[in-house]
Amino acid sequence: SITDGGSGNYTVNFTTNMEDANYAIVAVGAHSAGDRVLVRIPSRATGSFSILINDNSFGDNTGDEVHCAIIR
């Protein structure tokens, strides 16, 4: 599931916890206008990880799309 923590702040929750927090996250964001979106992963745990989105081109914390892949 995904928990909305406010504009540009999300937590991805796993249905089943990971064995440990030693997994990789690949994340990319896009904006419909084609401008870049900065996606940061500030924290991760066995049951979830956080995503912060910042679209500097528009001065806000939104993006039209964010894609993540978790690799263990």
Protein backbone atom coordinates (compact mmCIF):
# COMPACT_ATOMS: atom_id res chain seq x y z
CA SER A 1 0.00 0.00 0.00
CA ILE A 2 0.99 3.65 -0.27
CA THR A 3 0.50 6.20 2.51
CA ASP A 4 0.18 9.86 1.52
CA GLY A 5 2.18 11.98 3.96
CA GLY A 6 1.41 15.30 2.27
CA SER A 7 2.49 16.99 -0.93
CA GLY A 8 5.33 14.98 -2.44
CA ASN A 9 5.80 12.76 0.63
CA TYR A 10 4.82 9.09 0.38
CA THR A 11 5.50 5.84 2.21
CA VAL A 12 5.39 2.52 0.36
CA ASN A 13 4.34 -0.29 2.71
CA PHE A 14 5.11 -3.94 1.95
CA THR A 15 2.47 -6.62 2.49
CA THR A 16 5.23 -8.94 3.72
CA ASN A 17 8.26 -7.47 5.47
CA MET A 18 11.64 -7.86 3.86
CA GLU A 19 14.20 -10.05 5.59
CA ASP A 20 16.24 -6.90 6.32
CA ALA A 21 16.66 -3.38 4.93
CA ASN A 22 19.44 -4.43 2.54
CA TYR A 23 17.46 -3.99 -0.67
CA ALA A 24 17.86 -1.55 -3.53
CA ILE A 25 15.23 0.89 -4.75
CA VAL A 26 15.26 2.36 -8.23
CA ALA A 27 12.87 5.30 -8.59
CA VAL A 28 12.18 7.75 -11.40
CA GLY A 29 9.61 10.51 -11.75
CA ALA A 30 8.12 12.38 -14.69
CA HIS A 31 6.02 15.46 -15.28
CA SER A 32 3.58 15.77 -18.18
CA ALA A 33 5.41 18.89 -19.40
CA GLY A 34 8.53 16.76 -19.85
CA ASP A 35 10.45 18.46 -17.06
CA ARG A 36 12.55 16.47 -14.64
CA VAL A 37 11.33 15.42 -11.23
CA LEU A 38 13.71 14.71 -8.36
CA VAL A 39 12.81 11.54 -6.47
CA ARG A 40 14.63 10.80 -3.20
CA ILE A 41 14.45 7.75 -0.95
CA PRO A 42 15.35 9.19 2.49
CA SER A 43 14.65 6.07 4.54
CA ARG A 44 13.97 2.39 4.26
CA ALA A 45 13.05 -0.33 6.72
CA THR A 46 12.03 -3.96 6.52
CA GLY A 47 8.34 -3.05 6.15
CA SER A 48 8.40 0.17 4.16
CA PHE A 49 10.37 2.96 2.50
CA SER A 50 9.79 6.69 2.04
CA ILE A 51 9.69 8.65 -1.20
CA LEU A 52 10.10 12.42 -1.48
CA ILE A 53 9.22 14.05 -4.78
CA ASN A 54 10.33 17.52 -5.85
CA ASP A 55 9.64 19.17 -9.18
CA ASN A 56 11.98 22.15 -9.23
CA SER A 57 10.74 23.31 -12.63
CA PHE A 58 7.32 24.14 -11.25
CA GLY A 59 8.41 24.99 -7.71
CA ASP A 60 6.21 22.39 -6.11
CA ASN A 61 6.41 18.84 -4.80
CA THR A 62 4.38 17.03 -7.41
CA GLY A 63 4.94 14.75 -10.35
CA ASP A 64 2.52 13.09 -12.70
CA GLU A 65 4.25 9.72 -12.49
CA VAL A 66 6.64 7.97 -10.13
CA HIS A 67 7.88 4.47 -10.83
CA CYS A 68 9.76 2.27 -8.36
CA ALA A 69 11.45 -1.10 -8.57
CA ILE A 70 12.62 -2.96 -5.47
CA ILE A 71 15.54 -5.33 -5.95
CA ARG A 72 16.53 -7.84 -3.32
